[in-house]
Amino acid sequence: MKNFIRITILFIPILWVFHTFSKNFMVDPTFEKFISRKDLILTDKSLWIVMIRIHILLAIIALLTGPLGVIKRIRIKSIKFHRWNGRLYVLSIIINFIPGVYVSFFATGGWPSTIGFLILNTLWLGTTILGFWYIKRQNVILHSQWIIRSFFLSFANMTIYIIVAITHNAMNFPYGNAYMIAVWLSWILNLFIAEITIRKNILYKKEIILKIKS
C-alpha cells in the first residue's frame, strides 16, 4: 500500500505536468482558445501571455519538486537533495505570486473568480512560507503540516479542470459560472483533503506511540 501511495504521488503530478505543458505550449501556444472564453477584454494580450507562461512554468516546477519533497524514502535517502529540492519548490511558489496575482485580475468568471484566485495565491504563498519558516526553526512537525497544505494547493489547477468538466460539460452550467465555482472549490476542497491527511498522520503517530508504550 505504501509503495502504491508513493507511485501515485509521483505519477499523478507527472501526468498533469505533461498535460499542462502540451496543452499550453504545443496544442494552443497562443492561448487563443483560453482567451476566447474570457469575459473581460485583455488590456495587454502580449503581457498576459508572458505572465501566464511564467505562471505555468513555475507551477510545473512546484508540481515536480513537491512530490519529491513529501515522499519519506527520498527524504531519508538524501537529506541534502531534500533541502535543495525544497528550496527550489519554495522559490518557485514565491516568484509565482506576482504572475499569479496579475492573471487573477483577468480570470474567467469576473470578480468572483478574481477574488477566489487571489485567496488561492495568498494561501499557497502563505502555507509555503510557513513551512519554510518552521523548518528553519527546526520544528519538523509544523514544517511537515504546512508543506502538506502547500503541496495540496499546488494541485488547484487540476481540481479546477475536473470541476469545470463536471459542472460545465456534464451538468451544462454556463462556462463562466462553472469556472468561478471551480476556482473557489479548488482551494476549499484541496485544503480540506490536506487537513484530513494531516489528522490521519497525527492519529497514526499517536497509535505508534501507544503501541511502543504498551
C-alpha atoms as a PDB file:
ATOM      1  CA  MET A   1       0.000   0.000   0.000  1.00  0.00           C
ATOM      2  CA  LYS A   2       2.818   2.432   0.861  1.00  0.00           C
ATOM      3  CA  ASN A   3       4.542   1.731  -2.446  1.00  0.00           C
ATOM      4  CA  PHE A   4       1.262   2.344  -4.263  1.00  0.00           C
ATOM      5  CA  ILE A   5       0.859   5.705  -2.481  1.00  0.00           C
ATOM      6  CA  ARG A   6       4.427   6.727  -3.391  1.00  0.00           C
ATOM      7  CA  ILE A   7       3.896   5.814  -7.038  1.00  0.00           C
ATOM      8  CA  THR A   8       0.575   7.695  -7.091  1.00  0.00           C
ATOM      9  CA  ILE A   9       2.149  10.815  -5.547  1.00  0.00           C
ATOM     10  CA  LEU A  10       4.796  10.799  -8.276  1.00  0.00           C
ATOM     11  CA  PHE A  11       2.675   9.569 -11.181  1.00  0.00           C
ATOM     12  CA  ILE A  12      -0.268  11.998 -10.976  1.00  0.00           C
ATOM     13  CA  PRO A  13       1.867  15.193 -10.933  1.00  0.00           C
ATOM     14  CA  ILE A  14       3.988  13.924 -13.844  1.00  0.00           C
ATOM     15  CA  LEU A  15       0.867  13.172 -15.895  1.00  0.00           C
ATOM     16  CA  TRP A  16      -0.580  16.576 -15.088  1.00  0.00           C
ATOM     17  CA  VAL A  17       2.711  18.298 -15.986  1.00  0.00           C
ATOM     18  CA  PHE A  18       2.683  16.594 -19.404  1.00  0.00           C
ATOM     19  CA  HIS A  19      -0.952  17.569 -19.892  1.00  0.00           C
ATOM     20  CA  THR A  20      -0.381  21.199 -18.841  1.00  0.00           C
ATOM     21  CA  PHE A  21       2.806  21.660 -20.857  1.00  0.00           C
ATOM     22  CA  SER A  22       1.440  20.078 -24.041  1.00  0.00           C
ATOM     23  CA  LYS A  23      -1.872  21.925 -23.815  1.00  0.00           C
ATOM     24  CA  ASN A  24      -0.394  25.392 -23.229  1.00  0.00           C
ATOM     25  CA  PHE A  25       2.880  25.239 -25.156  1.00  0.00           C
ATOM     26  CA  MET A  26       2.148  22.819 -28.015  1.00  0.00           C
ATOM     27  CA  VAL A  27      -1.590  22.466 -28.725  1.00  0.00           C
ATOM     28  CA  ASP A  28      -2.542  26.115 -28.082  1.00  0.00           C
ATOM     29  CA  PRO A  29       0.700  28.109 -27.605  1.00  0.00           C
ATOM     30  CA  THR A  30      -1.032  31.438 -28.305  1.00  0.00           C
ATOM     31  CA  PHE A  31      -3.815  30.659 -25.770  1.00  0.00           C
ATOM     32  CA  GLU A  32      -6.474  31.588 -28.341  1.00  0.00           C
ATOM     33  CA  LYS A  33      -8.997  29.024 -27.090  1.00  0.00           C
ATOM     34  CA  PHE A  34      -8.438  30.055 -23.467  1.00  0.00           C
ATOM     35  CA  ILE A  35      -8.705  33.771 -24.272  1.00  0.00           C
ATOM     36  CA  SER A  36     -11.890  33.269 -26.310  1.00  0.00           C
ATOM     37  CA  ARG A  37     -13.690  32.068 -23.171  1.00  0.00           C
ATOM     38  CA  LYS A  38     -12.795  35.123 -21.108  1.00  0.00           C
ATOM     39  CA  ASP A  39     -15.446  37.640 -20.116  1.00  0.00           C
ATOM     40  CA  LEU A  40     -13.003  40.548 -19.978  1.00  0.00           C
ATOM     41  CA  ILE A  41     -11.012  42.033 -22.832  1.00  0.00           C
ATOM     42  CA  LEU A  42      -7.298  41.798 -22.080  1.00  0.00           C
ATOM     43  CA  THR A  43      -5.743  45.254 -21.796  1.00  0.00           C
ATOM     44  CA  ASP A  44      -2.371  43.905 -22.941  1.00  0.00           C
ATOM     45  CA  LYS A  45      -2.605  40.488 -24.587  1.00  0.00           C
ATOM     46  CA  SER A  46       1.185  40.116 -25.043  1.00  0.00           C
ATOM     47  CA  LEU A  47       1.882  40.861 -21.364  1.00  0.00           C
ATOM     48  CA  TRP A  48      -0.870  38.470 -20.269  1.00  0.00           C
ATOM     49  CA  ILE A  49       0.603  35.657 -22.397  1.00  0.00           C
ATOM     50  CA  VAL A  50       4.083  36.257 -20.930  1.00  0.00           C
ATOM     51  CA  MET A  51       2.717  36.261 -17.375  1.00  0.00           C
ATOM     52  CA  ILE A  52       0.570  33.146 -17.873  1.00  0.00           C
ATOM     53  CA  ARG A  53       3.551  31.291 -19.363  1.00  0.00           C
ATOM     54  CA  ILE A  54       5.733  32.238 -16.390  1.00  0.00           C
ATOM     55  CA  HIS A  55       2.903  31.256 -14.052  1.00  0.00           C
ATOM     56  CA  ILE A  56       2.505  27.843 -15.720  1.00  0.00           C
ATOM     57  CA  LEU A  57       6.249  27.084 -15.879  1.00  0.00           C
ATOM     58  CA  LEU A  58       6.762  27.951 -12.197  1.00  0.00           C
ATOM     59  CA  ALA A  59       3.712  25.866 -11.276  1.00  0.00           C
ATOM     60  CA  ILE A  60       5.225  22.946 -13.208  1.00  0.00           C
ATOM     61  CA  ILE A  61       8.438  23.281 -11.173  1.00  0.00           C
ATOM     62  CA  ALA A  62       6.363  23.180  -7.976  1.00  0.00           C
ATOM     63  CA  LEU A  63       4.484  20.102  -9.211  1.00  0.00           C
ATOM     64  CA  LEU A  64       7.743  18.285  -9.988  1.00  0.00           C
ATOM     65  CA  THR A  65       9.629  19.236  -6.807  1.00  0.00           C
ATOM     66  CA  GLY A  66       6.659  18.922  -4.433  1.00  0.00           C
ATOM     67  CA  PRO A  67       6.223  15.132  -4.625  1.00  0.00           C
ATOM     68  CA  LEU A  68       9.982  14.591  -4.266  1.00  0.00           C
ATOM     69  CA  GLY A  69       9.829  16.544  -1.016  1.00  0.00           C
ATOM     70  CA  VAL A  70       6.923  14.759   0.651  1.00  0.00           C
ATOM     71  CA  ILE A  71       7.990  11.163  -0.054  1.00  0.00           C
ATOM     72  CA  LYS A  72       9.702   9.929   3.107  1.00  0.00           C
ATOM     73  CA  ARG A  73      12.019   7.397   1.443  1.00  0.00           C
ATOM     74  CA  ILE A  74      13.577  10.060  -0.811  1.00  0.00           C
ATOM     75  CA  ARG A  75      13.905  12.447   2.136  1.00  0.00           C
ATOM     76  CA  ILE A  76      15.698   9.881   4.299  1.00  0.00           C
ATOM     77  CA  LYS A  77      17.967   8.656   1.493  1.00  0.00           C
ATOM     78  CA  SER A  78      19.436  12.097   0.796  1.00  0.00           C
ATOM     79  CA  ILE A  79      18.733  14.985   3.161  1.00  0.00           C
ATOM     80  CA  LYS A  80      20.946  17.241   1.031  1.00  0.00           C
ATOM     81  CA  PHE A  81      18.809  16.568  -2.053  1.00  0.00           C
ATOM     82  CA  HIS A  82      15.667  17.117   0.055  1.00  0.00           C
ATOM     83  CA  ARG A  83      16.889  20.547   1.176  1.00  0.00           C
ATOM     84  CA  TRP A  84      17.848  21.784  -2.303  1.00  0.00           C
ATOM     85  CA  ASN A  85      14.668  20.338  -3.789  1.00  0.00           C
ATOM     86  CA  GLY A  86      12.680  22.091  -1.057  1.00  0.00           C
ATOM     87  CA  ARG A  87      14.398  25.418  -1.710  1.00  0.00           C
ATOM     88  CA  LEU A  88      13.535  25.163  -5.397  1.00  0.00           C
ATOM     89  CA  TYR A  89       9.929  24.325  -4.500  1.00  0.00           C
ATOM     90  CA  VAL A  90       9.625  27.294  -2.138  1.00  0.00           C
ATOM     91  CA  LEU A  91      11.345  29.687  -4.558  1.00  0.00           C
ATOM     92  CA  SER A  92       9.101  28.682  -7.476  1.00  0.00           C
ATOM     93  CA  ILE A  93       5.985  29.466  -5.422  1.00  0.00           C
ATOM     94  CA  ILE A  94       7.296  32.766  -4.027  1.00  0.00           C
ATOM     95  CA  ILE A  95       8.243  34.029  -7.504  1.00  0.00           C
ATOM     96  CA  ASN A  96       4.949  32.730  -8.903  1.00  0.00           C
ATOM     97  CA  PHE A  97       2.936  35.003  -6.615  1.00  0.00           C
ATOM     98  CA  ILE A  98       3.420  38.043  -8.886  1.00  0.00           C
ATOM     99  CA  PRO A  99       2.316  36.478 -12.209  1.00  0.00           C
ATOM    100  CA  GLY A 100      -0.382  34.577 -10.311  1.00  0.00           C
ATOM    101  CA  VAL A 101      -1.878  37.789  -8.942  1.00  0.00           C
ATOM    102  CA  TYR A 102      -1.616  39.508 -12.337  1.00  0.00           C
ATOM    103  CA  VAL A 103      -3.510  36.827 -14.273  1.00  0.00           C
ATOM    104  CA  SER A 104      -6.091  36.655 -11.472  1.00  0.00           C
ATOM    105  CA  PHE A 105      -7.433  40.067 -12.499  1.00  0.00           C
ATOM    106  CA  PHE A 106      -8.361  38.670 -15.924  1.00  0.00           C
ATOM    107  CA  ALA A 107      -9.871  35.413 -14.689  1.00  0.00           C
ATOM    108  CA  THR A 108     -12.864  33.872 -16.449  1.00  0.00           C
ATOM    109  CA  GLY A 109     -15.982  34.422 -14.351  1.00  0.00           C
ATOM    110  CA  GLY A 110     -15.290  38.030 -13.427  1.00  0.00           C
ATOM    111  CA  TRP A 111     -14.619  39.419  -9.953  1.00  0.00           C
ATOM    112  CA  PRO A 112     -15.856  36.355  -8.025  1.00  0.00           C
ATOM    113  CA  SER A 113     -13.190  34.292  -9.827  1.00  0.00           C
ATOM    114  CA  THR A 114     -10.581  37.020  -9.309  1.00  0.00           C
ATOM    115  CA  ILE A 115     -11.219  37.084  -5.556  1.00  0.00           C
ATOM    116  CA  GLY A 116     -11.116  33.285  -5.424  1.00  0.00           C
ATOM    117  CA  PHE A 117      -7.778  33.232  -7.256  1.00  0.00           C
ATOM    118  CA  LEU A 118      -6.325  35.970  -5.032  1.00  0.00           C
ATOM    119  CA  ILE A 119      -7.252  33.922  -1.958  1.00  0.00           C
ATOM    120  CA  LEU A 120      -5.758  30.800  -3.561  1.00  0.00           C
ATOM    121  CA  ASN A 121      -2.486  32.572  -4.416  1.00  0.00           C
ATOM    122  CA  THR A 122      -2.241  34.071  -0.923  1.00  0.00           C
ATOM    123  CA  LEU A 123      -2.912  30.718   0.748  1.00  0.00           C
ATOM    124  CA  TRP A 124      -0.381  28.953  -1.491  1.00  0.00           C
ATOM    125  CA  LEU A 125       2.279  31.541  -0.716  1.00  0.00           C
ATOM    126  CA  GLY A 126       1.409  31.698   2.995  1.00  0.00           C
ATOM    127  CA  THR A 127       1.407  27.941   3.621  1.00  0.00           C
ATOM    128  CA  THR A 128       4.700  27.593   1.741  1.00  0.00           C
ATOM    129  CA  ILE A 129       6.432  30.387   3.660  1.00  0.00           C
ATOM    130  CA  LEU A 130       5.189  28.978   6.972  1.00  0.00           C
ATOM    131  CA  GLY A 131       6.520  25.545   6.019  1.00  0.00           C
ATOM    132  CA  PHE A 132       9.907  27.074   5.230  1.00  0.00           C
ATOM    133  CA  TRP A 133       9.831  29.259   8.364  1.00  0.00           C
ATOM    134  CA  TYR A 134       9.195  26.302  10.681  1.00  0.00           C
ATOM    135  CA  ILE A 135      11.953  24.103   9.238  1.00  0.00           C
ATOM    136  CA  LYS A 136      14.396  26.977   9.700  1.00  0.00           C
ATOM    137  CA  ARG A 137      13.430  26.845  13.375  1.00  0.00           C
ATOM    138  CA  GLN A 138      13.847  23.046  13.347  1.00  0.00           C
ATOM    139  CA  ASN A 139      10.168  22.391  14.021  1.00  0.00           C
ATOM    140  CA  VAL A 140       9.811  19.364  11.755  1.00  0.00           C
ATOM    141  CA  ILE A 141       6.203  18.578  12.711  1.00  0.00           C
ATOM    142  CA  LEU A 142       4.777  22.021  11.883  1.00  0.00           C
ATOM    143  CA  HIS A 143       7.027  22.205   8.816  1.00  0.00           C
ATOM    144  CA  SER A 144       5.551  18.957   7.552  1.00  0.00           C
ATOM    145  CA  GLN A 145       1.962  20.052   8.226  1.00  0.00           C
ATOM    146  CA  TRP A 146       2.267  23.405   6.437  1.00  0.00           C
ATOM    147  CA  ILE A 147       4.120  21.891   3.482  1.00  0.00           C
ATOM    148  CA  ILE A 148       1.359  19.288   3.115  1.00  0.00           C
ATOM    149  CA  ARG A 149      -1.153  22.159   2.877  1.00  0.00           C
ATOM    150  CA  SER A 150       1.062  23.913   0.331  1.00  0.00           C
ATOM    151  CA  PHE A 151       1.529  20.662  -1.614  1.00  0.00           C
ATOM    152  CA  PHE A 152      -2.202  20.048  -1.961  1.00  0.00           C
ATOM    153  CA  LEU A 153      -2.782  23.658  -3.057  1.00  0.00           C
ATOM    154  CA  SER A 154      -0.277  23.004  -5.865  1.00  0.00           C
ATOM    155  CA  PHE A 155      -2.957  20.799  -7.440  1.00  0.00           C
ATOM    156  CA  ALA A 156      -5.572  23.585  -7.519  1.00  0.00           C
ATOM    157  CA  ASN A 157      -5.407  23.858 -11.313  1.00  0.00           C
ATOM    158  CA  MET A 158      -6.096  20.145 -11.683  1.00  0.00           C
ATOM    159  CA  THR A 159      -9.066  20.472  -9.325  1.00  0.00           C
ATOM    160  CA  ILE A 160     -10.389  23.409 -11.382  1.00  0.00           C
ATOM    161  CA  TYR A 161     -10.093  21.339 -14.558  1.00  0.00           C
ATOM    162  CA  ILE A 162     -12.024  18.416 -13.027  1.00  0.00           C
ATOM    163  CA  ILE A 163     -14.789  20.587 -11.521  1.00  0.00           C
ATOM    164  CA  VAL A 164     -15.251  22.560 -14.761  1.00  0.00           C
ATOM    165  CA  ALA A 165     -15.532  19.273 -16.667  1.00  0.00           C
ATOM    166  CA  ILE A 166     -18.265  18.128 -14.277  1.00  0.00           C
ATOM    167  CA  THR A 167     -20.230  21.375 -13.915  1.00  0.00           C
ATOM    168  CA  HIS A 168     -19.896  22.685 -17.487  1.00  0.00           C
ATOM    169  CA  ASN A 169     -19.654  19.570 -19.662  1.00  0.00           C
ATOM    170  CA  ALA A 170     -21.752  17.147 -17.621  1.00  0.00           C
ATOM    171  CA  MET A 171     -24.192  19.490 -15.814  1.00  0.00           C
ATOM    172  CA  ASN A 172     -24.433  22.175 -18.549  1.00  0.00           C
ATOM    173  CA  PHE A 173     -23.562  25.115 -16.302  1.00  0.00           C
ATOM    174  CA  PRO A 174     -22.504  28.259 -18.234  1.00  0.00           C
ATOM    175  CA  TYR A 175     -18.721  28.162 -18.609  1.00  0.00           C
ATOM    176  CA  GLY A 176     -18.142  31.369 -16.625  1.00  0.00           C
ATOM    177  CA  ASN A 177     -20.238  30.133 -13.691  1.00  0.00           C
ATOM    178  CA  ALA A 178     -18.641  26.689 -13.805  1.00  0.00           C
ATOM    179  CA  TYR A 179     -15.166  28.224 -13.769  1.00  0.00           C
ATOM    180  CA  MET A 180     -15.992  30.554 -10.867  1.00  0.00           C
ATOM    181  CA  ILE A 181     -17.344  27.645  -8.790  1.00  0.00           C
ATOM    182  CA  ALA A 182     -14.261  25.602  -9.648  1.00  0.00           C
ATOM    183  CA  VAL A 183     -11.870  28.379  -8.564  1.00  0.00           C
ATOM    184  CA  TRP A 184     -13.408  28.619  -5.104  1.00  0.00           C
ATOM    185  CA  LEU A 185     -13.771  24.864  -4.630  1.00  0.00           C
ATOM    186  CA  SER A 186     -10.169  24.278  -5.778  1.00  0.00           C
ATOM    187  CA  TRP A 187      -8.637  25.703  -2.602  1.00  0.00           C
ATOM    188  CA  ILE A 188     -11.510  24.772  -0.271  1.00  0.00           C
ATOM    189  CA  LEU A 189     -11.504  21.088  -1.268  1.00  0.00           C
ATOM    190  CA  ASN A 190      -7.722  20.810  -1.533  1.00  0.00           C
ATOM    191  CA  LEU A 191      -7.190  22.305   1.931  1.00  0.00           C
ATOM    192  CA  PHE A 192      -9.922  20.027   3.296  1.00  0.00           C
ATOM    193  CA  ILE A 193      -8.114  16.965   1.901  1.00  0.00           C
ATOM    194  CA  ALA A 194      -4.828  18.314   3.279  1.00  0.00           C
ATOM    195  CA  GLU A 195      -6.350  18.626   6.774  1.00  0.00           C
ATOM    196  CA  ILE A 196      -7.684  15.065   6.596  1.00  0.00           C
ATOM    197  CA  THR A 197      -4.187  13.867   5.610  1.00  0.00           C
ATOM    198  CA  ILE A 198      -2.590  15.795   8.488  1.00  0.00           C
ATOM    199  CA  ARG A 199      -5.095  14.450  11.036  1.00  0.00           C
ATOM    200  CA  LYS A 200      -4.555  10.880   9.815  1.00  0.00           C
ATOM    201  CA  ASN A 201      -0.789  11.316  10.220  1.00  0.00           C
ATOM    202  CA  ILE A 202      -1.273  12.629  13.755  1.00  0.00           C
ATOM    203  CA  LEU A 203      -3.538   9.711  14.692  1.00  0.00           C
ATOM    204  CA  TYR A 204      -1.126   7.217  13.111  1.00  0.00           C
ATOM    205  CA  LYS A 205       1.823   8.591  15.106  1.00  0.00           C
ATOM    206  CA  LYS A 206      -0.222   8.532  18.322  1.00  0.00           C
ATOM    207  CA  GLU A 207      -1.120   4.868  17.699  1.00  0.00           C
ATOM    208  CA  ILE A 208       2.562   4.019  17.196  1.00  0.00           C
ATOM    209  CA  ILE A 209       3.496   5.808  20.448  1.00  0.00           C
ATOM    210  CA  LEU A 210       0.774   3.951  22.367  1.00  0.00           C
ATOM    211  CA  LYS A 211       1.919   0.599  20.945  1.00  0.00           C
ATOM    212  CA  ILE A 212       5.514   1.340  21.958  1.00  0.00           C
ATOM    213  CA  LYS A 213       4.450   2.312  25.481  1.00  0.00           C
ATOM    214  CA  SER A 214       2.236  -0.751  25.854  1.00  0.00           C
END
